[in-house]
Amino acid sequence: MKKICLLLTVILFSASCVSAQGNRYSDFFDKLMNKPTAQERLAPVKASVDDALTPNEQAILLYNENNLKAALDVLTAIKEADRTPEDWLLIGNILQDQEKISDAIFMYQRAIVVNPKFYKAYYNLGNIYLEQEKPYLAIENYRQANKADNTFPYAYYNLGCAYLKIGNLRKAKIAFLKAIELKNTEPNFHYNLAYTYKMLNKPKLSKKYLEFYNKLMNGEK
């Protein structure tokens, strides 16, 4: 599955924070900082085959089929002045899949130039910076994502992860609570909040959210 996002998308995320390699504090924290899984990404969905496909929809279909070169060819054939934020975003996704991270960052920034309120591009940038161990840049971009769309739980979740990276437990707690408010069925949201309360010396609250985590992992409501 691919990196992240378009208007023609479904949101499929997991709650794993980016790896804190060489920065492990405890076994509890190790689980908190696993690499993001494929589910942490926005996956393009297939455009309807019943309609004439736009170039963007053609690119999405090719991208879903992992034909990255053909998808990129379709998108780069669009004049730059005519590219939508989603076009720039998908180009960034492809480049990120090809591990051309600097180029991907540039494309996400181009998406923001076209639409300064395009939360998905900010979110993708935040994820890259968090993986690069640049938590302050990650925080800046996650906050912009939340400002552009305050209903997207994973931007709050990853914001919490970034705050943990810099040791700001209070702001991490607030971010995780917001993520849970928006989506309370994601186990790792509860797990990471439990960890945060543990580090804040609030064992009862830590236990409470760890119990929520265990219930969700066991399929309980």
Protein backbone atom coordinates (compact mmCIF):
# COMPACT_ATOMS: atom_id res chain seq x y z
CA MET A 1 0.00 0.00 0.00
CA LYS A 2 1.15 3.50 -0.71
CA LYS A 3 2.32 6.48 1.19
CA ILE A 4 -0.48 8.96 1.53
CA CYS A 5 -3.36 10.74 -0.03
CA LEU A 6 -5.72 12.46 -2.47
CA LEU A 7 -9.26 13.72 -2.55
CA LEU A 8 -10.28 10.39 -4.07
CA THR A 9 -9.17 8.48 -1.01
CA VAL A 10 -10.17 6.52 1.99
CA ILE A 11 -8.38 7.14 5.25
CA LEU A 12 -6.71 4.00 6.52
CA PHE A 13 -4.29 4.49 9.35
CA SER A 14 -2.69 2.70 12.18
CA ALA A 15 -1.50 4.46 15.25
CA SER A 16 2.18 3.57 15.25
CA CYS A 17 4.57 6.41 15.93
CA VAL A 18 7.75 6.73 13.97
CA SER A 19 10.72 4.77 15.22
CA ALA A 20 12.89 6.41 17.85
CA GLN A 21 16.02 4.54 16.91
CA GLY A 22 18.67 4.83 19.56
CA ASN A 23 16.18 6.61 21.80
CA ARG A 24 14.53 3.84 23.76
CA TYR A 25 13.45 4.53 27.29
CA SER A 26 11.72 1.32 28.39
CA ASP A 27 9.95 -1.75 27.07
CA PHE A 28 6.72 0.18 27.37
CA PHE A 29 8.16 2.95 25.23
CA ASP A 30 9.56 0.51 22.65
CA LYS A 31 6.07 -0.52 21.59
CA LEU A 32 5.02 3.11 21.45
CA MET A 33 7.66 3.98 18.88
CA ASN A 34 7.25 1.28 16.25
CA LYS A 35 7.60 2.16 12.57
CA PRO A 36 4.35 3.23 10.88
CA THR A 37 2.53 0.39 9.15
CA ALA A 38 0.90 0.55 5.74
CA GLN A 39 -2.42 1.28 7.45
CA GLU A 40 -1.09 4.61 8.67
CA ARG A 41 -1.39 5.95 5.17
CA LEU A 42 -4.16 7.31 3.03
CA ALA A 43 -4.61 4.84 0.20
CA PRO A 44 -5.89 5.90 -3.22
CA VAL A 45 -9.12 4.20 -4.23
CA LYS A 46 -9.97 3.10 -7.72
CA ALA A 47 -11.82 5.58 -9.89
CA SER A 48 -15.03 4.42 -11.52
CA VAL A 49 -14.41 2.54 -14.75
CA ASP A 50 -17.84 3.62 -15.98
CA ASP A 51 -16.81 7.21 -16.47
CA ALA A 52 -14.13 8.85 -18.56
CA LEU A 53 -11.08 9.03 -16.34
CA THR A 54 -9.27 12.24 -15.62
CA PRO A 55 -5.46 12.13 -15.61
CA ASN A 56 -5.55 12.16 -11.81
CA GLU A 57 -7.89 9.15 -11.76
CA GLN A 58 -5.71 7.34 -14.29
CA ALA A 59 -2.71 7.99 -12.08
CA ILE A 60 -4.56 6.67 -9.04
CA LEU A 61 -5.41 3.43 -10.84
CA LEU A 62 -1.81 2.98 -11.94
CA TYR A 63 -0.59 3.83 -8.45
CA ASN A 64 -2.89 1.20 -6.92
CA GLU A 65 -1.40 -1.30 -9.34
CA ASN A 66 2.09 -0.28 -8.18
CA ASN A 67 2.91 0.99 -11.65
CA LEU A 68 4.70 4.02 -10.28
CA LYS A 69 6.51 5.02 -13.46
CA ALA A 70 3.34 5.08 -15.55
CA ALA A 71 1.48 6.98 -12.83
CA LEU A 72 4.27 9.53 -12.65
CA ASP A 73 4.31 9.87 -16.44
CA VAL A 74 0.59 10.66 -16.45
CA LEU A 75 0.94 13.28 -13.73
CA THR A 76 4.03 14.99 -15.13
CA ALA A 77 2.27 15.28 -18.48
CA ILE A 78 -0.11 17.74 -16.81
CA LYS A 79 1.12 21.32 -17.11
CA GLU A 80 2.41 22.54 -13.77
CA ALA A 81 -0.02 25.46 -13.77
CA ASP A 82 -2.91 23.01 -14.16
CA ARG A 83 -1.90 20.57 -11.42
CA THR A 84 -4.21 20.31 -8.43
CA PRO A 85 -2.98 19.86 -4.84
CA GLU A 86 -3.94 16.20 -5.22
CA ASP A 87 -1.73 15.90 -8.30
CA TRP A 88 1.25 17.36 -6.47
CA LEU A 89 0.48 15.13 -3.51
CA LEU A 90 0.40 11.95 -5.55
CA ILE A 91 3.67 12.90 -7.25
CA GLY A 92 5.09 13.28 -3.74
CA ASN A 93 3.71 9.89 -2.76
CA ILE A 94 5.38 8.24 -5.71
CA LEU A 95 8.70 9.92 -5.03
CA GLN A 96 8.47 8.97 -1.37
CA ASP A 97 7.80 5.36 -2.37
CA GLN A 98 10.95 5.58 -4.48
CA GLU A 99 12.81 6.91 -1.41
CA LYS A 100 13.43 10.25 -3.08
CA ILE A 101 12.56 12.04 0.13
CA SER A 102 13.87 15.51 -0.68
CA ASP A 103 11.92 15.53 -3.93
CA ALA A 104 8.81 14.29 -2.14
CA ILE A 105 9.09 17.11 0.40
CA PHE A 106 9.28 19.62 -2.45
CA MET A 107 6.13 18.19 -4.07
CA TYR A 108 4.19 18.31 -0.81
CA GLN A 109 5.25 21.91 -0.41
CA ARG A 110 4.02 22.63 -3.94
CA ALA A 111 0.64 21.17 -2.96
CA ILE A 112 0.52 23.61 -0.04
CA VAL A 113 1.38 26.53 -2.32
CA VAL A 114 -1.66 25.67 -4.44
CA ASN A 115 -3.86 25.18 -1.37
CA PRO A 116 -2.45 26.47 1.94
CA LYS A 117 -5.24 24.61 3.80
CA PHE A 118 -4.46 21.20 2.30
CA TYR A 119 -4.06 19.23 5.50
CA LYS A 120 -2.89 16.01 3.85
CA ALA A 121 0.31 17.61 2.57
CA TYR A 122 1.10 19.00 6.02
CA TYR A 123 0.45 15.58 7.51
CA ASN A 124 2.79 13.88 5.05
CA LEU A 125 5.51 16.41 5.75
CA GLY A 126 5.06 15.88 9.46
CA ASN A 127 5.50 12.14 9.04
CA ILE A 128 8.68 12.58 7.01
CA TYR A 129 10.18 14.98 9.54
CA LEU A 130 9.26 12.70 12.42
CA GLU A 131 10.99 9.79 10.68
CA GLN A 132 14.00 12.03 10.10
CA GLU A 133 14.22 12.79 13.82
CA LYS A 134 13.19 16.42 13.27
CA PRO A 135 10.38 16.64 15.83
CA TYR A 136 10.08 20.43 15.85
CA LEU A 137 9.47 20.52 12.10
CA ALA A 138 7.08 17.61 12.52
CA ILE A 139 5.16 19.49 15.22
CA GLU A 140 4.90 22.59 13.05
CA ASN A 141 3.40 20.59 10.19
CA TYR A 142 1.05 18.50 12.32
CA ARG A 143 -0.25 21.69 13.91
CA GLN A 144 -0.87 23.15 10.46
CA ALA A 145 -2.69 19.96 9.49
CA ASN A 146 -4.88 20.23 12.59
CA LYS A 147 -5.54 23.90 11.89
CA ALA A 148 -6.65 23.04 8.36
CA ASP A 149 -8.80 20.10 9.47
CA ASN A 150 -9.48 19.60 13.16
CA THR A 151 -11.38 16.34 12.65
CA PHE A 152 -8.45 14.17 11.56
CA PRO A 153 -7.38 12.06 14.57
CA TYR A 154 -4.08 10.76 13.26
CA ALA A 155 -2.56 14.19 12.90
CA TYR A 156 -3.29 14.74 16.61
CA TYR A 157 -1.92 11.30 17.41
CA ASN A 158 1.34 11.86 15.56
CA LEU A 159 1.55 15.33 17.07
CA GLY A 160 1.50 13.60 20.43
CA CYS A 161 4.30 11.31 19.28
CA ALA A 162 6.36 14.33 18.24
CA TYR A 163 5.81 15.99 21.61
CA LEU A 164 6.99 12.80 23.30
CA LYS A 165 10.16 13.01 21.23
CA ILE A 166 10.99 16.37 22.81
CA GLY A 167 9.81 15.34 26.27
CA ASN A 168 6.76 17.60 26.41
CA LEU A 169 4.46 15.19 28.22
CA ARG A 170 1.72 17.72 28.93
CA LYS A 171 1.23 18.61 25.28
CA ALA A 172 1.55 14.95 24.27
CA LYS A 173 -1.26 14.12 26.69
CA ILE A 174 -3.50 16.84 25.22
CA ALA A 175 -2.84 15.64 21.68
CA PHE A 176 -3.56 11.99 22.52
CA LEU A 177 -6.75 12.94 24.35
CA LYS A 178 -7.91 14.85 21.28
CA ALA A 179 -7.11 11.88 19.05
CA ILE A 180 -9.18 9.62 21.33
CA GLU A 181 -12.01 12.14 21.36
CA LEU A 182 -12.15 11.92 17.57
CA LYS A 183 -11.58 8.14 17.33
CA ASN A 184 -11.81 6.11 20.51
CA THR A 185 -11.57 2.70 18.85
CA GLU A 186 -7.88 2.92 17.91
CA PRO A 187 -5.99 0.78 20.45
CA ASN A 188 -2.65 2.54 20.22
CA PHE A 189 -4.18 5.92 20.98
CA HIS A 190 -5.07 4.50 24.40
CA TYR A 191 -1.75 2.70 24.75
CA ASN A 192 0.29 5.81 24.13
CA LEU A 193 -1.85 7.92 26.42
CA ALA A 194 -1.36 5.24 29.10
CA TYR A 195 2.38 5.57 28.60
CA THR A 196 2.18 9.36 28.85
CA TYR A 197 0.24 9.19 32.11
CA LYS A 198 2.78 6.67 33.39
CA MET A 199 5.56 9.16 32.72
CA LEU A 200 3.48 11.90 34.38
CA ASN A 201 3.32 9.74 37.54
CA LYS A 202 -0.43 9.20 37.25
CA PRO A 203 -0.63 5.41 37.63
CA LYS A 204 -4.43 5.23 37.97
CA LEU A 205 -5.01 7.05 34.70
CA SER A 206 -2.25 5.03 33.07
CA LYS A 207 -3.94 1.82 34.18
CA LYS A 208 -7.32 3.08 32.95
CA TYR A 209 -6.13 3.68 29.41
CA LEU A 210 -4.05 0.52 29.34
CA GLU A 211 -7.22 -1.39 30.22
CA PHE A 212 -9.02 0.35 27.33
CA TYR A 213 -6.16 -0.71 25.07
CA ASN A 214 -6.37 -4.34 26.19
CA LYS A 215 -10.16 -4.40 25.68
CA LEU A 216 -9.84 -3.07 22.17
CA MET A 217 -7.07 -5.52 21.34
CA ASN A 218 -9.30 -8.35 22.62
CA GLY A 219 -12.19 -7.17 20.47
CA GLU A 220 -14.26 -5.91 23.39
CA LYS A 221 -16.45 -2.80 23.10
